Amino acid sequence: MTDELPPAAAGLPPVRRGPRPLPDRVPELAHLALGELRAMRTELGDEEGRVSYWRRLVQARADVLRQSRDLPVARLQEVLSSQQVVPGRTAFLTADGSSLLPPLPGLEAVWSAVDPEDEGARSALLATLVEMDEQLSAYRRRLHERIDLATRDLVARYAADPRLCLVALPV
């Protein structure tokens, strides 16, 4: 497999490697062309942004239930849906909280109304939200692992041939 150099880099001489060893490539990503790898990393970042947004919604709803008072569901949905998405990996963020993100299966419980006086119903909903948070957190960790692998492979490719970095520049 060879990565295609942009026309601007084709005439440049190869860069001499210094005494530092090159980073290792990620074997399971070797079949991807550079453009495919970059696109995959972007898609993973977009998915991480969506999952992080929903995770924060679940956590916020659980926090409201823990306060032993409940906001009207319509008001809660309005407040939580209007907030900006601010992920830990801001370089990957392309969506904001005001956009309509597709709901994830089972997350309708976030908007469930519960009688603040019904401790059993509050506890059951809180347990559901805690489980959702755990599932979303585990999925988010797996996404971070995949993003890190893609980044590691990109760094290794760029270290092996720095001219490949030029494909990231606007034409």
C-alpha atoms as a PDB file:
ATOM      1  CA  MET A   1       0.000   0.000   0.000  1.00  0.00           C
ATOM      2  CA  THR A   2       1.319   3.457  -0.835  1.00  0.00           C
ATOM      3  CA  ASP A   3      -0.063   6.752   0.299  1.00  0.00           C
ATOM      4  CA  GLU A   4      -0.576   9.228  -2.471  1.00  0.00           C
ATOM      5  CA  LEU A   5       1.351  12.476  -2.096  1.00  0.00           C
ATOM      6  CA  PRO A   6      -0.345  15.739  -2.987  1.00  0.00           C
ATOM      7  CA  PRO A   7       1.049  17.364  -6.166  1.00  0.00           C
ATOM      8  CA  ALA A   8       2.832  20.055  -4.118  1.00  0.00           C
ATOM      9  CA  ALA A   9       4.847  17.392  -2.272  1.00  0.00           C
ATOM     10  CA  ALA A  10       5.693  15.249  -5.274  1.00  0.00           C
ATOM     11  CA  GLY A  11       8.660  17.413  -6.294  1.00  0.00           C
ATOM     12  CA  LEU A  12      10.162  17.678  -2.792  1.00  0.00           C
ATOM     13  CA  PRO A  13      13.132  15.519  -1.877  1.00  0.00           C
ATOM     14  CA  PRO A  14      12.525  12.852   0.775  1.00  0.00           C
ATOM     15  CA  VAL A  15      13.208  14.066   4.283  1.00  0.00           C
ATOM     16  CA  ARG A  16      16.274  12.549   5.940  1.00  0.00           C
ATOM     17  CA  ARG A  17      15.499  10.685   9.114  1.00  0.00           C
ATOM     18  CA  GLY A  18      17.254  11.760  12.283  1.00  0.00           C
ATOM     19  CA  PRO A  19      18.681   9.464  14.927  1.00  0.00           C
ATOM     20  CA  ARG A  20      15.305   9.014  16.652  1.00  0.00           C
ATOM     21  CA  PRO A  21      13.448   5.791  15.846  1.00  0.00           C
ATOM     22  CA  LEU A  22      10.208   6.111  13.967  1.00  0.00           C
ATOM     23  CA  PRO A  23       6.966   5.500  15.878  1.00  0.00           C
ATOM     24  CA  ASP A  24       5.397   2.113  15.280  1.00  0.00           C
ATOM     25  CA  ARG A  25       2.497   1.822  12.864  1.00  0.00           C
ATOM     26  CA  VAL A  26      -0.786   0.252  13.965  1.00  0.00           C
ATOM     27  CA  PRO A  27      -0.979  -3.035  12.014  1.00  0.00           C
ATOM     28  CA  GLU A  28      -4.785  -3.264  12.069  1.00  0.00           C
ATOM     29  CA  LEU A  29      -4.990   0.136  10.314  1.00  0.00           C
ATOM     30  CA  ALA A  30      -2.332  -0.559   7.677  1.00  0.00           C
ATOM     31  CA  HIS A  31      -4.943  -1.427   5.032  1.00  0.00           C
ATOM     32  CA  LEU A  32      -6.364   2.119   5.118  1.00  0.00           C
ATOM     33  CA  ALA A  33      -5.117   4.801   2.771  1.00  0.00           C
ATOM     34  CA  LEU A  34      -4.125   8.057   4.443  1.00  0.00           C
ATOM     35  CA  GLY A  35      -7.369   9.782   3.451  1.00  0.00           C
ATOM     36  CA  GLU A  36      -9.434   6.876   4.755  1.00  0.00           C
ATOM     37  CA  LEU A  37      -7.567   6.914   8.062  1.00  0.00           C
ATOM     38  CA  ARG A  38      -8.060  10.658   8.452  1.00  0.00           C
ATOM     39  CA  ALA A  39     -11.778  10.309   7.622  1.00  0.00           C
ATOM     40  CA  MET A  40     -12.156   7.435  10.089  1.00  0.00           C
ATOM     41  CA  ARG A  41     -10.538   9.508  12.839  1.00  0.00           C
ATOM     42  CA  THR A  42     -12.878  12.416  12.095  1.00  0.00           C
ATOM     43  CA  GLU A  43     -15.940  10.126  12.170  1.00  0.00           C
ATOM     44  CA  LEU A  44     -14.814   8.631  15.478  1.00  0.00           C
ATOM     45  CA  GLY A  45     -14.385  12.142  16.880  1.00  0.00           C
ATOM     46  CA  ASP A  46     -17.871  13.111  15.724  1.00  0.00           C
ATOM     47  CA  GLU A  47     -19.331  10.001  17.358  1.00  0.00           C
ATOM     48  CA  GLU A  48     -17.408  10.736  20.561  1.00  0.00           C
ATOM     49  CA  GLY A  49     -18.943  14.224  20.604  1.00  0.00           C
ATOM     50  CA  ARG A  50     -22.464  12.805  20.276  1.00  0.00           C
ATOM     51  CA  VAL A  51     -21.885  10.156  22.948  1.00  0.00           C
ATOM     52  CA  SER A  52     -20.348  12.722  25.310  1.00  0.00           C
ATOM     53  CA  TYR A  53     -23.347  14.999  24.803  1.00  0.00           C
ATOM     54  CA  TRP A  54     -25.835  12.249  25.627  1.00  0.00           C
ATOM     55  CA  ARG A  55     -23.709  11.146  28.580  1.00  0.00           C
ATOM     56  CA  ARG A  56     -23.824  14.666  30.001  1.00  0.00           C
ATOM     57  CA  LEU A  57     -27.613  14.729  29.546  1.00  0.00           C
ATOM     58  CA  VAL A  58     -27.957  11.446  31.451  1.00  0.00           C
ATOM     59  CA  GLN A  59     -25.639  12.697  34.206  1.00  0.00           C
ATOM     60  CA  ALA A  60     -27.514  16.001  34.488  1.00  0.00           C
ATOM     61  CA  ARG A  61     -30.859  14.220  34.733  1.00  0.00           C
ATOM     62  CA  ALA A  62     -29.463  11.926  37.440  1.00  0.00           C
ATOM     63  CA  ASP A  63     -28.113  14.948  39.320  1.00  0.00           C
ATOM     64  CA  VAL A  64     -31.574  16.539  39.261  1.00  0.00           C
ATOM     65  CA  LEU A  65     -33.110  13.348  40.679  1.00  0.00           C
ATOM     66  CA  ARG A  66     -30.465  13.185  43.414  1.00  0.00           C
ATOM     67  CA  GLN A  67     -31.421  16.679  44.527  1.00  0.00           C
ATOM     68  CA  SER A  68     -34.742  15.150  45.722  1.00  0.00           C
ATOM     69  CA  ARG A  69     -36.714  17.568  43.601  1.00  0.00           C
ATOM     70  CA  ASP A  70     -37.697  17.251  39.997  1.00  0.00           C
ATOM     71  CA  LEU A  71     -38.048  19.898  37.340  1.00  0.00           C
ATOM     72  CA  PRO A  72     -40.959  19.729  34.924  1.00  0.00           C
ATOM     73  CA  VAL A  73     -39.824  17.455  32.078  1.00  0.00           C
ATOM     74  CA  ALA A  74     -40.580  20.052  29.387  1.00  0.00           C
ATOM     75  CA  ARG A  75     -38.422  22.633  31.192  1.00  0.00           C
ATOM     76  CA  LEU A  76     -35.671  20.083  31.807  1.00  0.00           C
ATOM     77  CA  GLN A  77     -35.597  19.094  28.129  1.00  0.00           C
ATOM     78  CA  GLU A  78     -35.431  22.760  27.123  1.00  0.00           C
ATOM     79  CA  VAL A  79     -32.576  23.539  29.523  1.00  0.00           C
ATOM     80  CA  LEU A  80     -30.495  20.468  28.759  1.00  0.00           C
ATOM     81  CA  SER A  81     -31.005  20.635  24.993  1.00  0.00           C
ATOM     82  CA  SER A  82     -29.961  24.263  24.695  1.00  0.00           C
ATOM     83  CA  GLN A  83     -26.523  23.891  26.301  1.00  0.00           C
ATOM     84  CA  GLN A  84     -23.299  23.993  24.299  1.00  0.00           C
ATOM     85  CA  VAL A  85     -21.415  20.748  23.852  1.00  0.00           C
ATOM     86  CA  VAL A  86     -17.928  21.188  25.329  1.00  0.00           C
ATOM     87  CA  PRO A  87     -16.033  17.908  25.044  1.00  0.00           C
ATOM     88  CA  GLY A  88     -12.625  17.093  26.455  1.00  0.00           C
ATOM     89  CA  ARG A  89     -11.344  16.629  22.910  1.00  0.00           C
ATOM     90  CA  THR A  90     -12.371  19.982  21.503  1.00  0.00           C
ATOM     91  CA  ALA A  91     -10.300  19.507  18.354  1.00  0.00           C
ATOM     92  CA  PHE A  92     -12.805  16.899  17.212  1.00  0.00           C
ATOM     93  CA  LEU A  93     -16.012  18.791  17.967  1.00  0.00           C
ATOM     94  CA  THR A  94     -18.206  19.817  15.065  1.00  0.00           C
ATOM     95  CA  ALA A  95     -21.678  19.697  16.651  1.00  0.00           C
ATOM     96  CA  ASP A  96     -23.203  21.880  19.307  1.00  0.00           C
ATOM     97  CA  GLY A  97     -25.999  21.262  21.767  1.00  0.00           C
ATOM     98  CA  SER A  98     -28.508  23.271  19.781  1.00  0.00           C
ATOM     99  CA  SER A  99     -28.365  20.892  16.836  1.00  0.00           C
ATOM    100  CA  LEU A 100     -30.745  17.968  16.821  1.00  0.00           C
ATOM    101  CA  LEU A 101     -28.617  14.952  17.581  1.00  0.00           C
ATOM    102  CA  PRO A 102     -30.128  11.571  16.863  1.00  0.00           C
ATOM    103  CA  PRO A 103     -31.343   9.921  20.055  1.00  0.00           C
ATOM    104  CA  LEU A 104     -29.597   6.796  21.212  1.00  0.00           C
ATOM    105  CA  PRO A 105     -31.749   3.726  21.944  1.00  0.00           C
ATOM    106  CA  GLY A 106     -33.197   3.661  25.443  1.00  0.00           C
ATOM    107  CA  LEU A 107     -32.408   7.258  26.288  1.00  0.00           C
ATOM    108  CA  GLU A 108     -36.060   8.260  26.432  1.00  0.00           C
ATOM    109  CA  ALA A 109     -35.742   7.738  30.201  1.00  0.00           C
ATOM    110  CA  VAL A 110     -33.826  11.033  30.346  1.00  0.00           C
ATOM    111  CA  TRP A 111     -37.108  12.836  29.707  1.00  0.00           C
ATOM    112  CA  SER A 112     -39.262  10.595  31.948  1.00  0.00           C
ATOM    113  CA  ALA A 113     -41.413  12.456  34.419  1.00  0.00           C
ATOM    114  CA  VAL A 114     -41.390  11.136  37.959  1.00  0.00           C
ATOM    115  CA  ASP A 115     -43.335  12.186  41.022  1.00  0.00           C
ATOM    116  CA  PRO A 116     -40.769  13.806  43.360  1.00  0.00           C
ATOM    117  CA  GLU A 117     -42.636  12.289  46.326  1.00  0.00           C
ATOM    118  CA  ASP A 118     -42.462   8.710  44.941  1.00  0.00           C
ATOM    119  CA  GLU A 119     -39.096   7.541  46.277  1.00  0.00           C
ATOM    120  CA  GLY A 120     -39.435   4.137  44.571  1.00  0.00           C
ATOM    121  CA  ALA A 121     -40.013   5.672  41.130  1.00  0.00           C
ATOM    122  CA  ARG A 122     -37.177   8.158  41.651  1.00  0.00           C
ATOM    123  CA  SER A 123     -34.803   5.364  42.721  1.00  0.00           C
ATOM    124  CA  ALA A 124     -35.786   3.173  39.768  1.00  0.00           C
ATOM    125  CA  LEU A 125     -35.254   5.995  37.276  1.00  0.00           C
ATOM    126  CA  LEU A 126     -31.961   6.914  38.929  1.00  0.00           C
ATOM    127  CA  ALA A 127     -30.789   3.274  38.673  1.00  0.00           C
ATOM    128  CA  THR A 128     -31.695   3.279  34.957  1.00  0.00           C
ATOM    129  CA  LEU A 129     -29.791   6.521  34.423  1.00  0.00           C
ATOM    130  CA  VAL A 130     -26.729   5.229  36.291  1.00  0.00           C
ATOM    131  CA  GLU A 131     -26.707   2.098  34.100  1.00  0.00           C
ATOM    132  CA  MET A 132     -27.025   4.247  30.957  1.00  0.00           C
ATOM    133  CA  ASP A 133     -24.145   6.420  32.135  1.00  0.00           C
ATOM    134  CA  GLU A 134     -21.987   3.336  32.675  1.00  0.00           C
ATOM    135  CA  GLN A 135     -22.808   2.007  29.189  1.00  0.00           C
ATOM    136  CA  LEU A 136     -22.175   5.368  27.529  1.00  0.00           C
ATOM    137  CA  SER A 137     -18.929   5.792  29.478  1.00  0.00           C
ATOM    138  CA  ALA A 138     -17.686   2.348  28.407  1.00  0.00           C
ATOM    139  CA  TYR A 139     -18.572   3.069  24.768  1.00  0.00           C
ATOM    140  CA  ARG A 140     -16.860   6.468  25.007  1.00  0.00           C
ATOM    141  CA  ARG A 141     -13.693   4.822  26.381  1.00  0.00           C
ATOM    142  CA  ARG A 142     -13.673   2.413  23.430  1.00  0.00           C
ATOM    143  CA  LEU A 143     -14.069   5.363  21.056  1.00  0.00           C
ATOM    144  CA  HIS A 144     -11.122   7.116  22.733  1.00  0.00           C
ATOM    145  CA  GLU A 145      -9.031   3.980  22.302  1.00  0.00           C
ATOM    146  CA  ARG A 146      -9.860   3.845  18.591  1.00  0.00           C
ATOM    147  CA  ILE A 147      -9.176   7.567  18.171  1.00  0.00           C
ATOM    148  CA  ASP A 148      -5.840   7.129  19.928  1.00  0.00           C
ATOM    149  CA  LEU A 149      -4.898   4.215  17.636  1.00  0.00           C
ATOM    150  CA  ALA A 150      -5.812   6.219  14.543  1.00  0.00           C
ATOM    151  CA  THR A 151      -3.813   9.191  15.842  1.00  0.00           C
ATOM    152  CA  ARG A 152      -0.848   6.950  16.605  1.00  0.00           C
ATOM    153  CA  ASP A 153      -0.910   5.525  13.082  1.00  0.00           C
ATOM    154  CA  LEU A 154      -1.184   9.003  11.559  1.00  0.00           C
ATOM    155  CA  VAL A 155       1.799  10.200  13.616  1.00  0.00           C
ATOM    156  CA  ALA A 156       3.813   7.168  12.493  1.00  0.00           C
ATOM    157  CA  ARG A 157       2.927   7.802   8.848  1.00  0.00           C
ATOM    158  CA  TYR A 158       3.803  11.486   9.105  1.00  0.00           C
ATOM    159  CA  ALA A 159       7.062  10.686  10.901  1.00  0.00           C
ATOM    160  CA  ALA A 160       8.013   8.218   8.162  1.00  0.00           C
ATOM    161  CA  ASP A 161       7.238  10.753   5.423  1.00  0.00           C
ATOM    162  CA  PRO A 162       6.560  14.311   6.662  1.00  0.00           C
ATOM    163  CA  ARG A 163       5.440  15.315   3.175  1.00  0.00           C
ATOM    164  CA  LEU A 164       2.196  13.434   3.915  1.00  0.00           C
ATOM    165  CA  CYS A 165       1.301  16.236   6.350  1.00  0.00           C
ATOM    166  CA  LEU A 166       0.711  18.440   3.332  1.00  0.00           C
ATOM    167  CA  VAL A 167      -2.526  16.602   2.526  1.00  0.00           C
ATOM    168  CA  ALA A 168      -4.059  18.252   5.604  1.00  0.00           C
ATOM    169  CA  LEU A 169      -3.461  21.733   4.192  1.00  0.00           C
ATOM    170  CA  PRO A 170      -6.194  23.420   2.159  1.00  0.00           C
ATOM    171  CA  VAL A 171      -5.453  23.566  -1.536  1.00  0.00           C
END
